[in-house]
Amino acid sequence: MPEAFVLVKTEPSHERDVYLALTSHEAVKEVHALYGEFDLLAHVSSDSAKNLTALLMKELRVIQGIRDTQTMIAVEY
């Protein structure tokens, strides 16, 4: 099952709104609030690489309040 970890920068004072939007999405397995350069870390998974790409590009990045993301796609060793 393809998985990714997404570091999220939010617009100022939108951290909680983005957190709640991410936690309500069925493909998001975990969300953590962070201190530092990024505000949130989301662990997402999908049934295929193609669906993971669509999820990242068309669903998560467009959440209101997200300013920037950095995505790390997990691979099997």
C-alpha atoms as a PDB file:
ATOM      1  CA  MET A   1       0.000   0.000   0.000  1.00  0.00           C
ATOM      2  CA  PRO A   2       1.657   3.282  -1.078  1.00  0.00           C
ATOM      3  CA  GLU A   3       2.292   5.705   1.778  1.00  0.00           C
ATOM      4  CA  ALA A   4       3.629   9.227   2.119  1.00  0.00           C
ATOM      5  CA  PHE A   5       4.554  11.651   4.842  1.00  0.00           C
ATOM      6  CA  VAL A   6       3.564  15.233   4.135  1.00  0.00           C
ATOM      7  CA  LEU A   7       5.129  18.197   5.913  1.00  0.00           C
ATOM      8  CA  VAL A   8       2.708  21.116   5.872  1.00  0.00           C
ATOM      9  CA  LYS A   9       3.206  24.859   6.278  1.00  0.00           C
ATOM     10  CA  THR A  10      -0.012  26.707   7.023  1.00  0.00           C
ATOM     11  CA  GLU A  11      -1.090  30.281   6.707  1.00  0.00           C
ATOM     12  CA  PRO A  12      -0.682  32.118  10.028  1.00  0.00           C
ATOM     13  CA  SER A  13      -3.366  31.102  12.563  1.00  0.00           C
ATOM     14  CA  HIS A  14      -4.816  28.374  10.291  1.00  0.00           C
ATOM     15  CA  GLU A  15      -2.987  25.468  11.908  1.00  0.00           C
ATOM     16  CA  ARG A  16      -6.023  24.091  13.736  1.00  0.00           C
ATOM     17  CA  ASP A  17      -8.350  24.387  10.728  1.00  0.00           C
ATOM     18  CA  VAL A  18      -5.889  22.518   8.514  1.00  0.00           C
ATOM     19  CA  TYR A  19      -5.288  19.942  11.256  1.00  0.00           C
ATOM     20  CA  LEU A  20      -9.019  19.264  11.504  1.00  0.00           C
ATOM     21  CA  ALA A  21      -9.428  19.078   7.725  1.00  0.00           C
ATOM     22  CA  LEU A  22      -6.590  16.568   7.472  1.00  0.00           C
ATOM     23  CA  THR A  23      -7.811  14.389  10.352  1.00  0.00           C
ATOM     24  CA  SER A  24     -11.269  14.158   8.793  1.00  0.00           C
ATOM     25  CA  HIS A  25      -9.901  12.772   5.507  1.00  0.00           C
ATOM     26  CA  GLU A  26     -10.123   8.970   5.272  1.00  0.00           C
ATOM     27  CA  ALA A  27      -6.713   8.564   3.595  1.00  0.00           C
ATOM     28  CA  VAL A  28      -4.929  10.418   6.400  1.00  0.00           C
ATOM     29  CA  LYS A  29      -3.754   7.926   9.009  1.00  0.00           C
ATOM     30  CA  GLU A  30      -2.086  10.362  11.447  1.00  0.00           C
ATOM     31  CA  VAL A  31      -1.563  14.088  11.870  1.00  0.00           C
ATOM     32  CA  HIS A  32       0.902  15.684  14.277  1.00  0.00           C
ATOM     33  CA  ALA A  33       1.398  19.340  15.174  1.00  0.00           C
ATOM     34  CA  LEU A  34       5.032  20.455  14.990  1.00  0.00           C
ATOM     35  CA  TYR A  35       7.254  23.271  16.175  1.00  0.00           C
ATOM     36  CA  GLY A  36       9.775  24.569  13.677  1.00  0.00           C
ATOM     37  CA  GLU A  37       9.783  25.266   9.959  1.00  0.00           C
ATOM     38  CA  PHE A  38       6.682  23.129   9.329  1.00  0.00           C
ATOM     39  CA  ASP A  39       3.421  23.249  11.248  1.00  0.00           C
ATOM     40  CA  LEU A  40       1.996  19.766  10.663  1.00  0.00           C
ATOM     41  CA  LEU A  41       3.052  16.263   9.643  1.00  0.00           C
ATOM     42  CA  ALA A  42       0.491  13.999   7.968  1.00  0.00           C
ATOM     43  CA  HIS A  43       0.856  10.282   7.251  1.00  0.00           C
ATOM     44  CA  VAL A  44      -1.298   9.288   4.271  1.00  0.00           C
ATOM     45  CA  SER A  45      -1.874   6.065   2.379  1.00  0.00           C
ATOM     46  CA  SER A  46      -3.771   4.897  -0.665  1.00  0.00           C
ATOM     47  CA  ASP A  47      -4.515   1.665  -2.507  1.00  0.00           C
ATOM     48  CA  SER A  48      -2.299   2.551  -5.493  1.00  0.00           C
ATOM     49  CA  ALA A  49       0.499   4.922  -6.464  1.00  0.00           C
ATOM     50  CA  LYS A  50      -1.800   6.594  -8.986  1.00  0.00           C
ATOM     51  CA  ASN A  51      -4.455   7.227  -6.350  1.00  0.00           C
ATOM     52  CA  LEU A  52      -1.811   8.477  -3.923  1.00  0.00           C
ATOM     53  CA  THR A  53      -0.674  11.017  -6.512  1.00  0.00           C
ATOM     54  CA  ALA A  54      -4.245  12.167  -7.100  1.00  0.00           C
ATOM     55  CA  LEU A  55      -4.834  12.413  -3.356  1.00  0.00           C
ATOM     56  CA  LEU A  56      -1.744  14.549  -2.838  1.00  0.00           C
ATOM     57  CA  MET A  57      -2.262  16.821  -5.842  1.00  0.00           C
ATOM     58  CA  LYS A  58      -6.036  17.211  -5.990  1.00  0.00           C
ATOM     59  CA  GLU A  59      -7.272  16.764  -2.441  1.00  0.00           C
ATOM     60  CA  LEU A  60      -4.691  17.603   0.200  1.00  0.00           C
ATOM     61  CA  ARG A  61      -2.792  20.492  -1.392  1.00  0.00           C
ATOM     62  CA  VAL A  62      -5.990  22.420  -2.027  1.00  0.00           C
ATOM     63  CA  ILE A  63      -7.136  22.478   1.604  1.00  0.00           C
ATOM     64  CA  GLN A  64      -7.757  26.088   2.535  1.00  0.00           C
ATOM     65  CA  GLY A  65      -5.029  27.399   4.832  1.00  0.00           C
ATOM     66  CA  ILE A  66      -2.193  25.280   3.424  1.00  0.00           C
ATOM     67  CA  ARG A  67       0.639  27.495   2.215  1.00  0.00           C
ATOM     68  CA  ASP A  68       3.251  24.892   1.257  1.00  0.00           C
ATOM     69  CA  THR A  69       3.921  21.161   1.458  1.00  0.00           C
ATOM     70  CA  GLN A  70       6.882  18.850   1.235  1.00  0.00           C
ATOM     71  CA  THR A  71       6.034  15.237   0.470  1.00  0.00           C
ATOM     72  CA  MET A  72       8.171  12.189   1.141  1.00  0.00           C
ATOM     73  CA  ILE A  73       6.866   9.031  -0.483  1.00  0.00           C
ATOM     74  CA  ALA A  74       7.797   5.920   1.475  1.00  0.00           C
ATOM     75  CA  VAL A  75       9.425   3.013  -0.355  1.00  0.00           C
ATOM     76  CA  GLU A  76       9.973  -0.566   0.722  1.00  0.00           C
ATOM     77  CA  TYR A  77      13.507  -1.663   1.434  1.00  0.00           C
END
